[in-house]
Amino acid sequence: MIMKSSPEVGNISPDSCFLVTKATEGFIAFLVRQALKASDNKTRVDYSDLAKIVSTIDTLDFLKDIIPPKIRGDKYLEILKKIEEHEQRIALEDQEL
């Protein structure tokens, strides 16, 4: 169990485990309901549906790094190149100061 894997955690009562389990079930149900509403299919939730709701619902903001929108590899490489060029410009500007 994940809760018991932390060395800082002592005993975990059965009630605590039950409550965390119920909270997790509720969270997953909320996530799936929202994704289903956003889905074009309405019978199936795809990764893109999850990514869409994570990027639009503020309370799911903490999942943005875990469930980012998919992009094609060439677009990703293009973004990385722009970031690298920007960082190089900043480094040159810092050297000129």
PDB file of N, CA and C in Angstrom:
ATOM      1  N   MET A   1       0.839  -1.170   0.000  1.00  0.00           N
ATOM      2  CA  MET A   1       0.000   0.000   0.000  1.00  0.00           C
ATOM      3  C   MET A   1       0.892   1.244   0.000  1.00  0.00           C
ATOM      4  N   ILE A   2       0.532   2.212  -0.780  1.00  0.00           N
ATOM      5  CA  ILE A   2       1.323   3.432  -0.925  1.00  0.00           C
ATOM      6  C   ILE A   2       1.436   4.183   0.395  1.00  0.00           C
ATOM      7  N   MET A   3       0.359   4.272   1.134  1.00  0.00           N
ATOM      8  CA  MET A   3       0.386   5.029   2.390  1.00  0.00           C
ATOM      9  C   MET A   3       1.396   4.441   3.370  1.00  0.00           C
ATOM     10  N   LYS A   4       1.541   3.154   3.396  1.00  0.00           N
ATOM     11  CA  LYS A   4       2.443   2.499   4.337  1.00  0.00           C
ATOM     12  C   LYS A   4       3.885   2.489   3.847  1.00  0.00           C
ATOM     13  N   SER A   5       4.137   2.889   2.608  1.00  0.00           N
ATOM     14  CA  SER A   5       5.493   2.845   2.067  1.00  0.00           C
ATOM     15  C   SER A   5       6.358   3.996   2.555  1.00  0.00           C
ATOM     16  N   SER A   6       5.761   5.032   3.100  1.00  0.00           N
ATOM     17  CA  SER A   6       6.521   6.172   3.603  1.00  0.00           C
ATOM     18  C   SER A   6       7.136   5.832   4.954  1.00  0.00           C
ATOM     19  N   PRO A   7       8.443   6.090   5.125  1.00  0.00           N
ATOM     20  CA  PRO A   7       9.081   5.782   6.408  1.00  0.00           C
ATOM     21  C   PRO A   7       8.587   6.680   7.547  1.00  0.00           C
ATOM     22  N   GLU A   8       8.008   7.837   7.203  1.00  0.00           N
ATOM     23  CA  GLU A   8       7.538   8.764   8.231  1.00  0.00           C
ATOM     24  C   GLU A   8       6.167   8.378   8.791  1.00  0.00           C
ATOM     25  N   VAL A   9       5.517   7.445   8.138  1.00  0.00           N
ATOM     26  CA  VAL A   9       4.164   7.069   8.549  1.00  0.00           C
ATOM     27  C   VAL A   9       4.243   5.872   9.484  1.00  0.00           C
ATOM     28  N   GLY A  10       3.599   6.019  10.630  1.00  0.00           N
ATOM     29  CA  GLY A  10       3.547   4.908  11.579  1.00  0.00           C
ATOM     30  C   GLY A  10       2.400   3.985  11.234  1.00  0.00           C
ATOM     31  N   ASN A  11       1.544   3.773  12.189  1.00  0.00           N
ATOM     32  CA  ASN A  11       0.372   2.920  11.968  1.00  0.00           C
ATOM     33  C   ASN A  11      -0.720   3.698  11.251  1.00  0.00           C
ATOM     34  N   ILE A  12      -1.398   3.022  10.366  1.00  0.00           N
ATOM     35  CA  ILE A  12      -2.524   3.615   9.651  1.00  0.00           C
ATOM     36  C   ILE A  12      -3.761   2.811  10.019  1.00  0.00           C
ATOM     37  N   SER A  13      -4.734   3.510  10.553  1.00  0.00           N
ATOM     38  CA  SER A  13      -5.940   2.813  11.003  1.00  0.00           C
ATOM     39  C   SER A  13      -6.757   2.339   9.807  1.00  0.00           C
ATOM     40  N   PRO A  14      -7.529   1.286  10.005  1.00  0.00           N
ATOM     41  CA  PRO A  14      -8.410   0.813   8.928  1.00  0.00           C
ATOM     42  C   PRO A  14      -9.387   1.886   8.461  1.00  0.00           C
ATOM     43  N   ASP A  15      -9.832   2.738   9.409  1.00  0.00           N
ATOM     44  CA  ASP A  15     -10.746   3.823   9.035  1.00  0.00           C
ATOM     45  C   ASP A  15     -10.075   4.796   8.071  1.00  0.00           C
ATOM     46  N   SER A  16      -8.803   5.095   8.327  1.00  0.00           N
ATOM     47  CA  SER A  16      -8.066   6.000   7.434  1.00  0.00           C
ATOM     48  C   SER A  16      -7.938   5.403   6.041  1.00  0.00           C
ATOM     49  N   CYS A  17      -7.593   4.133   5.984  1.00  0.00           N
ATOM     50  CA  CYS A  17      -7.481   3.457   4.681  1.00  0.00           C
ATOM     51  C   CYS A  17      -8.816   3.487   3.944  1.00  0.00           C
ATOM     52  N   PHE A  18      -9.889   3.228   4.664  1.00  0.00           N
ATOM     53  CA  PHE A  18     -11.220   3.232   4.062  1.00  0.00           C
ATOM     54  C   PHE A  18     -11.552   4.612   3.502  1.00  0.00           C
ATOM     55  N   LEU A  19     -11.296   5.665   4.290  1.00  0.00           N
ATOM     56  CA  LEU A  19     -11.611   7.025   3.848  1.00  0.00           C
ATOM     57  C   LEU A  19     -10.779   7.445   2.640  1.00  0.00           C
ATOM     58  N   VAL A  20      -9.502   7.097   2.645  1.00  0.00           N
ATOM     59  CA  VAL A  20      -8.653   7.437   1.497  1.00  0.00           C
ATOM     60  C   VAL A  20      -9.123   6.682   0.260  1.00  0.00           C
ATOM     61  N   THR A  21      -9.513   5.430   0.436  1.00  0.00           N
ATOM     62  CA  THR A  21     -10.033   4.642  -0.685  1.00  0.00           C
ATOM     63  C   THR A  21     -11.303   5.267  -1.253  1.00  0.00           C
ATOM     64  N   LYS A  22     -12.220   5.664  -0.386  1.00  0.00           N
ATOM     65  CA  LYS A  22     -13.475   6.288  -0.837  1.00  0.00           C
ATOM     66  C   LYS A  22     -13.206   7.631  -1.516  1.00  0.00           C
ATOM     67  N   ALA A  23     -12.284   8.414  -0.975  1.00  0.00           N
ATOM     68  CA  ALA A  23     -11.939   9.702  -1.585  1.00  0.00           C
ATOM     69  C   ALA A  23     -11.331   9.491  -2.970  1.00  0.00           C
ATOM     70  N   THR A  24     -10.492   8.472  -3.090  1.00  0.00           N
ATOM     71  CA  THR A  24      -9.883   8.161  -4.386  1.00  0.00           C
ATOM     72  C   THR A  24     -10.945   7.727  -5.388  1.00  0.00           C
ATOM     73  N   GLU A  25     -11.858   6.878  -4.960  1.00  0.00           N
ATOM     74  CA  GLU A  25     -12.949   6.451  -5.838  1.00  0.00           C
ATOM     75  C   GLU A  25     -13.781   7.648  -6.296  1.00  0.00           C
ATOM     76  N   GLY A  26     -14.075   8.552  -5.374  1.00  0.00           N
ATOM     77  CA  GLY A  26     -14.845   9.748  -5.719  1.00  0.00           C
ATOM     78  C   GLY A  26     -14.109  10.633  -6.706  1.00  0.00           C
ATOM     79  N   PHE A  27     -12.806  10.783  -6.501  1.00  0.00           N
ATOM     80  CA  PHE A  27     -12.006  11.598  -7.408  1.00  0.00           C
ATOM     81  C   PHE A  27     -11.979  10.990  -8.809  1.00  0.00           C
ATOM     82  N   ILE A  28     -11.756   9.690  -8.890  1.00  0.00           N
ATOM     83  CA  ILE A  28     -11.723   9.010 -10.196  1.00  0.00           C
ATOM     84  C   ILE A  28     -13.087   9.114 -10.877  1.00  0.00           C
ATOM     85  N   ALA A  29     -14.162   8.958 -10.116  1.00  0.00           N
ATOM     86  CA  ALA A  29     -15.510   9.078 -10.692  1.00  0.00           C
ATOM     87  C   ALA A  29     -15.728  10.487 -11.245  1.00  0.00           C
ATOM     88  N   PHE A  30     -15.308  11.508 -10.495  1.00  0.00           N
ATOM     89  CA  PHE A  30     -15.421  12.896 -10.959  1.00  0.00           C
ATOM     90  C   PHE A  30     -14.620  13.094 -12.246  1.00  0.00           C
ATOM     91  N   LEU A  31     -13.392  12.593 -12.249  1.00  0.00           N
ATOM     92  CA  LEU A  31     -12.508  12.736 -13.406  1.00  0.00           C
ATOM     93  C   LEU A  31     -13.130  12.093 -14.647  1.00  0.00           C
ATOM     94  N   VAL A  32     -13.651  10.901 -14.490  1.00  0.00           N
ATOM     95  CA  VAL A  32     -14.247  10.182 -15.625  1.00  0.00           C
ATOM     96  C   VAL A  32     -15.530  10.866 -16.097  1.00  0.00           C
ATOM     97  N   ARG A  33     -16.372  11.321 -15.152  1.00  0.00           N
ATOM     98  CA  ARG A  33     -17.604  12.024 -15.553  1.00  0.00           C
ATOM     99  C   ARG A  33     -17.283  13.275 -16.360  1.00  0.00           C
ATOM    100  N   GLN A  34     -16.321  14.050 -15.892  1.00  0.00           N
ATOM    101  CA  GLN A  34     -15.956  15.274 -16.599  1.00  0.00           C
ATOM    102  C   GLN A  34     -15.363  14.956 -17.975  1.00  0.00           C
ATOM    103  N   ALA A  35     -14.525  13.931 -18.031  1.00  0.00           N
ATOM    104  CA  ALA A  35     -13.925  13.540 -19.312  1.00  0.00           C
ATOM    105  C   ALA A  35     -14.987  13.025 -20.274  1.00  0.00           C
ATOM    106  N   LEU A  36     -15.960  12.297 -19.765  1.00  0.00           N
ATOM    107  CA  LEU A  36     -17.044  11.786 -20.607  1.00  0.00           C
ATOM    108  C   LEU A  36     -17.879  12.932 -21.170  1.00  0.00           C
ATOM    109  N   LYS A  37     -18.124  13.961 -20.349  1.00  0.00           N
ATOM    110  CA  LYS A  37     -18.850  15.136 -20.840  1.00  0.00           C
ATOM    111  C   LYS A  37     -18.085  15.820 -21.969  1.00  0.00           C
ATOM    112  N   ALA A  38     -16.759  15.845 -21.857  1.00  0.00           N
ATOM    113  CA  ALA A  38     -15.928  16.521 -22.855  1.00  0.00           C
ATOM    114  C   ALA A  38     -15.666  15.655 -24.085  1.00  0.00           C
ATOM    115  N   SER A  39     -15.981  14.380 -23.978  1.00  0.00           N
ATOM    116  CA  SER A  39     -15.685  13.433 -25.052  1.00  0.00           C
ATOM    117  C   SER A  39     -16.640  13.587 -26.230  1.00  0.00           C
ATOM    118  N   ASP A  40     -16.107  13.388 -27.414  1.00  0.00           N
ATOM    119  CA  ASP A  40     -16.947  13.367 -28.608  1.00  0.00           C
ATOM    120  C   ASP A  40     -17.681  12.031 -28.725  1.00  0.00           C
ATOM    121  N   ASN A  41     -17.104  10.990 -28.153  1.00  0.00           N
ATOM    122  CA  ASN A  41     -17.629   9.640 -28.276  1.00  0.00           C
ATOM    123  C   ASN A  41     -18.828   9.390 -27.362  1.00  0.00           C
ATOM    124  N   LYS A  42     -18.792   9.864 -26.142  1.00  0.00           N
ATOM    125  CA  LYS A  42     -19.851   9.702 -25.132  1.00  0.00           C
ATOM    126  C   LYS A  42     -20.024   8.269 -24.629  1.00  0.00           C
ATOM    127  N   THR A  43     -19.253   7.328 -25.157  1.00  0.00           N
ATOM    128  CA  THR A  43     -19.293   5.967 -24.630  1.00  0.00           C
ATOM    129  C   THR A  43     -17.919   5.513 -24.156  1.00  0.00           C
ATOM    130  N   ARG A  44     -16.909   6.343 -24.435  1.00  0.00           N
ATOM    131  CA  ARG A  44     -15.540   5.954 -24.096  1.00  0.00           C
ATOM    132  C   ARG A  44     -14.734   7.210 -23.768  1.00  0.00           C
ATOM    133  N   VAL A  45     -13.841   7.083 -22.815  1.00  0.00           N
ATOM    134  CA  VAL A  45     -12.947   8.188 -22.455  1.00  0.00           C
ATOM    135  C   VAL A  45     -11.563   7.871 -22.994  1.00  0.00           C
ATOM    136  N   ASP A  46     -11.023   8.790 -23.778  1.00  0.00           N
ATOM    137  CA  ASP A  46      -9.672   8.646 -24.312  1.00  0.00           C
ATOM    138  C   ASP A  46      -8.721   9.574 -23.572  1.00  0.00           C
ATOM    139  N   TYR A  47      -7.434   9.368 -23.791  1.00  0.00           N
ATOM    140  CA  TYR A  47      -6.420  10.226 -23.180  1.00  0.00           C
ATOM    141  C   TYR A  47      -6.675  11.693 -23.511  1.00  0.00           C
ATOM    142  N   SER A  48      -7.035  11.961 -24.754  1.00  0.00           N
ATOM    143  CA  SER A  48      -7.256  13.353 -25.165  1.00  0.00           C
ATOM    144  C   SER A  48      -8.399  14.000 -24.377  1.00  0.00           C
ATOM    145  N   ASP A  49      -9.405  13.209 -24.000  1.00  0.00           N
ATOM    146  CA  ASP A  49     -10.505  13.729 -23.185  1.00  0.00           C
ATOM    147  C   ASP A  49     -10.008  14.122 -21.792  1.00  0.00           C
ATOM    148  N   LEU A  50      -9.178  13.266 -21.214  1.00  0.00           N
ATOM    149  CA  LEU A  50      -8.605  13.582 -19.906  1.00  0.00           C
ATOM    150  C   LEU A  50      -7.722  14.821 -19.983  1.00  0.00           C
ATOM    151  N   ALA A  51      -6.879  14.885 -21.006  1.00  0.00           N
ATOM    152  CA  ALA A  51      -5.989  16.042 -21.159  1.00  0.00           C
ATOM    153  C   ALA A  51      -6.790  17.324 -21.336  1.00  0.00           C
ATOM    154  N   LYS A  52      -7.909  17.224 -22.042  1.00  0.00           N
ATOM    155  CA  LYS A  52      -8.746  18.404 -22.275  1.00  0.00           C
ATOM    156  C   LYS A  52      -9.319  18.941 -20.965  1.00  0.00           C
ATOM    157  N   ILE A  53      -9.854  18.062 -20.135  1.00  0.00           N
ATOM    158  CA  ILE A  53     -10.447  18.559 -18.888  1.00  0.00           C
ATOM    159  C   ILE A  53      -9.384  19.020 -17.901  1.00  0.00           C
ATOM    160  N   VAL A  54      -8.230  18.367 -17.903  1.00  0.00           N
ATOM    161  CA  VAL A  54      -7.150  18.800 -17.012  1.00  0.00           C
ATOM    162  C   VAL A  54      -6.705  20.216 -17.367  1.00  0.00           C
ATOM    163  N   SER A  55      -6.719  20.531 -18.659  1.00  0.00           N
ATOM    164  CA  SER A  55      -6.276  21.866 -19.068  1.00  0.00           C
ATOM    165  C   SER A  55      -7.365  22.927 -18.917  1.00  0.00           C
ATOM    166  N   THR A  56      -8.620  22.518 -18.705  1.00  0.00           N
ATOM    167  CA  THR A  56      -9.698  23.508 -18.628  1.00  0.00           C
ATOM    168  C   THR A  56     -10.331  23.660 -17.245  1.00  0.00           C
ATOM    169  N   ILE A  57     -10.204  22.667 -16.390  1.00  0.00           N
ATOM    170  CA  ILE A  57     -10.802  22.743 -15.052  1.00  0.00           C
ATOM    171  C   ILE A  57      -9.713  23.137 -14.053  1.00  0.00           C
ATOM    172  N   ASP A  58      -9.895  24.286 -13.426  1.00  0.00           N
ATOM    173  CA  ASP A  58      -8.875  24.831 -12.524  1.00  0.00           C
ATOM    174  C   ASP A  58      -8.505  23.888 -11.386  1.00  0.00           C
ATOM    175  N   THR A  59      -9.467  23.182 -10.843  1.00  0.00           N
ATOM    176  CA  THR A  59      -9.173  22.304  -9.705  1.00  0.00           C
ATOM    177  C   THR A  59      -8.326  21.095 -10.100  1.00  0.00           C
ATOM    178  N   LEU A  60      -8.194  20.840 -11.394  1.00  0.00           N
ATOM    179  CA  LEU A  60      -7.360  19.733 -11.869  1.00  0.00           C
ATOM    180  C   LEU A  60      -5.994  20.215 -12.347  1.00  0.00           C
ATOM    181  N   ASP A  61      -5.687  21.461 -12.059  1.00  0.00           N
ATOM    182  CA  ASP A  61      -4.434  22.074 -12.497  1.00  0.00           C
ATOM    183  C   ASP A  61      -3.206  21.272 -12.061  1.00  0.00           C
ATOM    184  N   PHE A  62      -3.274  20.627 -10.910  1.00  0.00           N
ATOM    185  CA  PHE A  62      -2.135  19.868 -10.396  1.00  0.00           C
ATOM    186  C   PHE A  62      -1.788  18.660 -11.272  1.00  0.00           C
ATOM    187  N   LEU A  63      -2.669  18.294 -12.188  1.00  0.00           N
ATOM    188  CA  LEU A  63      -2.428  17.150 -13.073  1.00  0.00           C
ATOM    189  C   LEU A  63      -1.831  17.546 -14.426  1.00  0.00           C
ATOM    190  N   LYS A  64      -1.614  18.843 -14.647  1.00  0.00           N
ATOM    191  CA  LYS A  64      -1.159  19.299 -15.969  1.00  0.00           C
ATOM    192  C   LYS A  64       0.168  18.687 -16.396  1.00  0.00           C
ATOM    193  N   ASP A  65       1.079  18.458 -15.455  1.00  0.00           N
ATOM    194  CA  ASP A  65       2.359  17.844 -15.807  1.00  0.00           C
ATOM    195  C   ASP A  65       2.231  16.340 -16.023  1.00  0.00           C
ATOM    196  N   ILE A  66       1.227  15.742 -15.420  1.00  0.00           N
ATOM    197  CA  ILE A  66       1.043  14.295 -15.505  1.00  0.00           C
ATOM    198  C   ILE A  66       0.219  13.908 -16.729  1.00  0.00           C
ATOM    199  N   ILE A  67      -0.770  14.738 -17.075  1.00  0.00           N
ATOM    200  CA  ILE A  67      -1.650  14.461 -18.216  1.00  0.00           C
ATOM    201  C   ILE A  67      -1.640  15.672 -19.154  1.00  0.00           C
ATOM    202  N   PRO A  68      -0.508  15.897 -19.828  1.00  0.00           N
ATOM    203  CA  PRO A  68      -0.453  17.039 -20.752  1.00  0.00           C
ATOM    204  C   PRO A  68      -1.138  16.697 -22.073  1.00  0.00           C
ATOM    205  N   PRO A  69      -1.508  17.719 -22.846  1.00  0.00           N
ATOM    206  CA  PRO A  69      -2.055  17.430 -24.178  1.00  0.00           C
ATOM    207  C   PRO A  69      -0.988  16.758 -25.042  1.00  0.00           C
ATOM    208  N   LYS A  70      -1.430  15.853 -25.881  1.00  0.00           N
ATOM    209  CA  LYS A  70      -0.484  15.197 -26.795  1.00  0.00           C
ATOM    210  C   LYS A  70      -0.094  16.157 -27.908  1.00  0.00           C
ATOM    211  N   ILE A  71       1.181  16.103 -28.282  1.00  0.00           N
ATOM    212  CA  ILE A  71       1.630  16.838 -29.461  1.00  0.00           C
ATOM    213  C   ILE A  71       2.512  15.907 -30.282  1.00  0.00           C
ATOM    214  N   ARG A  72       2.621  16.206 -31.556  1.00  0.00           N
ATOM    215  CA  ARG A  72       3.453  15.384 -32.435  1.00  0.00           C
ATOM    216  C   ARG A  72       4.920  15.610 -32.107  1.00  0.00           C
ATOM    217  N   GLY A  73       5.730  14.624 -32.394  1.00  0.00           N
ATOM    218  CA  GLY A  73       7.156  14.696 -32.097  1.00  0.00           C
ATOM    219  C   GLY A  73       7.845  15.868 -32.762  1.00  0.00           C
ATOM    220  N   ASP A  74       7.504  16.147 -34.032  1.00  0.00           N
ATOM    221  CA  ASP A  74       8.162  17.250 -34.728  1.00  0.00           C
ATOM    222  C   ASP A  74       7.795  18.596 -34.109  1.00  0.00           C
ATOM    223  N   LYS A  75       6.565  18.739 -33.632  1.00  0.00           N
ATOM    224  CA  LYS A  75       6.157  19.977 -32.952  1.00  0.00           C
ATOM    225  C   LYS A  75       6.919  20.135 -31.639  1.00  0.00           C
ATOM    226  N   TYR A  76       7.092  19.026 -30.924  1.00  0.00           N
ATOM    227  CA  TYR A  76       7.826  19.055 -29.663  1.00  0.00           C
ATOM    228  C   TYR A  76       9.272  19.473 -29.900  1.00  0.00           C
ATOM    229  N   LEU A  77       9.900  18.906 -30.915  1.00  0.00           N
ATOM    230  CA  LEU A  77      11.284  19.266 -31.229  1.00  0.00           C
ATOM    231  C   LEU A  77      11.391  20.733 -31.628  1.00  0.00           C
ATOM    232  N   GLU A  78      10.395  21.233 -32.330  1.00  0.00           N
ATOM    233  CA  GLU A  78      10.359  22.644 -32.713  1.00  0.00           C
ATOM    234  C   GLU A  78      10.277  23.540 -31.470  1.00  0.00           C
ATOM    235  N   ILE A  79       9.448  23.151 -30.527  1.00  0.00           N
ATOM    236  CA  ILE A  79       9.322  23.908 -29.275  1.00  0.00           C
ATOM    237  C   ILE A  79      10.640  23.886 -28.506  1.00  0.00           C
ATOM    238  N   LEU A  80      11.265  22.718 -28.425  1.00  0.00           N
ATOM    239  CA  LEU A  80      12.548  22.616 -27.733  1.00  0.00           C
ATOM    240  C   LEU A  80      13.604  23.500 -28.380  1.00  0.00           C
ATOM    241  N   LYS A  81      13.613  23.546 -29.709  1.00  0.00           N
ATOM    242  CA  LYS A  81      14.580  24.372 -30.426  1.00  0.00           C
ATOM    243  C   LYS A  81      14.363  25.853 -30.105  1.00  0.00           C
ATOM    244  N   LYS A  82      13.102  26.283 -30.074  1.00  0.00           N
ATOM    245  CA  LYS A  82      12.797  27.680 -29.747  1.00  0.00           C
ATOM    246  C   LYS A  82      13.225  28.016 -28.324  1.00  0.00           C
ATOM    247  N   ILE A  83      12.994  27.106 -27.406  1.00  0.00           N
ATOM    248  CA  ILE A  83      13.402  27.329 -26.016  1.00  0.00           C
ATOM    249  C   ILE A  83      14.917  27.449 -25.929  1.00  0.00           C
ATOM    250  N   GLU A  84      15.609  26.562 -26.617  1.00  0.00           N
ATOM    251  CA  GLU A  84      17.076  26.590 -26.608  1.00  0.00           C
ATOM    252  C   GLU A  84      17.600  27.896 -27.197  1.00  0.00           C
ATOM    253  N   GLU A  85      17.017  28.342 -28.305  1.00  0.00           N
ATOM    254  CA  GLU A  85      17.440  29.601 -28.919  1.00  0.00           C
ATOM    255  C   GLU A  85      17.183  30.774 -27.981  1.00  0.00           C
ATOM    256  N   HIS A  86      16.048  30.756 -27.313  1.00  0.00           N
ATOM    257  CA  HIS A  86      15.710  31.821 -26.363  1.00  0.00           C
ATOM    258  C   HIS A  86      16.714  31.846 -25.202  1.00  0.00           C
ATOM    259  N   GLU A  87      17.044  30.680 -24.677  1.00  0.00           N
ATOM    260  CA  GLU A  87      18.007  30.604 -23.578  1.00  0.00           C
ATOM    261  C   GLU A  87      19.388  31.073 -24.020  1.00  0.00           C
ATOM    262  N   GLN A  88      19.770  30.766 -25.261  1.00  0.00           N
ATOM    263  CA  GLN A  88      21.062  31.227 -25.774  1.00  0.00           C
ATOM    264  C   GLN A  88      21.083  32.745 -25.898  1.00  0.00           C
ATOM    265  N   ARG A  89      19.979  33.339 -26.367  1.00  0.00           N
ATOM    266  CA  ARG A  89      19.899  34.803 -26.466  1.00  0.00           C
ATOM    267  C   ARG A  89      20.029  35.451 -25.093  1.00  0.00           C
ATOM    268  N   ILE A  90      19.370  34.874 -24.112  1.00  0.00           N
ATOM    269  CA  ILE A  90      19.444  35.413 -22.753  1.00  0.00           C
ATOM    270  C   ILE A  90      20.871  35.309 -22.222  1.00  0.00           C
ATOM    271  N   ALA A  91      21.516  34.174 -22.468  1.00  0.00           N
ATOM    272  CA  ALA A  91      22.896  33.990 -22.009  1.00  0.00           C
ATOM    273  C   ALA A  91      23.823  35.010 -22.665  1.00  0.00           C
ATOM    274  N   LEU A  92      23.631  35.288 -23.959  1.00  0.00           N
ATOM    275  CA  LEU A  92      24.452  36.286 -24.655  1.00  0.00           C
ATOM    276  C   LEU A  92      24.205  37.680 -24.096  1.00  0.00           C
ATOM    277  N   GLU A  93      22.949  37.994 -23.814  1.00  0.00           N
ATOM    278  CA  GLU A  93      22.623  39.300 -23.233  1.00  0.00           C
ATOM    279  C   GLU A  93      23.262  39.458 -21.862  1.00  0.00           C
ATOM    280  N   ASP A  94      23.266  38.393 -21.081  1.00  0.00           N
ATOM    281  CA  ASP A  94      23.888  38.440 -19.756  1.00  0.00           C
ATOM    282  C   ASP A  94      25.394  38.642 -19.866  1.00  0.00           C
ATOM    283  N   GLN A  95      26.016  38.037 -20.870  1.00  0.00           N
ATOM    284  CA  GLN A  95      27.461  38.190 -21.069  1.00  0.00           C
ATOM    285  C   GLN A  95      27.808  39.615 -21.479  1.00  0.00           C
ATOM    286  N   GLU A  96      26.925  40.260 -22.233  1.00  0.00           N
ATOM    287  CA  GLU A  96      27.178  41.618 -22.701  1.00  0.00           C
ATOM    288  C   GLU A  96      27.075  42.631 -21.571  1.00  0.00           C
ATOM    289  N   LEU A  97      26.372  42.297 -20.511  1.00  0.00           N
ATOM    290  CA  LEU A  97      26.227  43.215 -19.373  1.00  0.00           C
ATOM    291  C   LEU A  97      27.464  43.213 -18.590  1.00  0.00           C
TER     292      LEU A  97
END
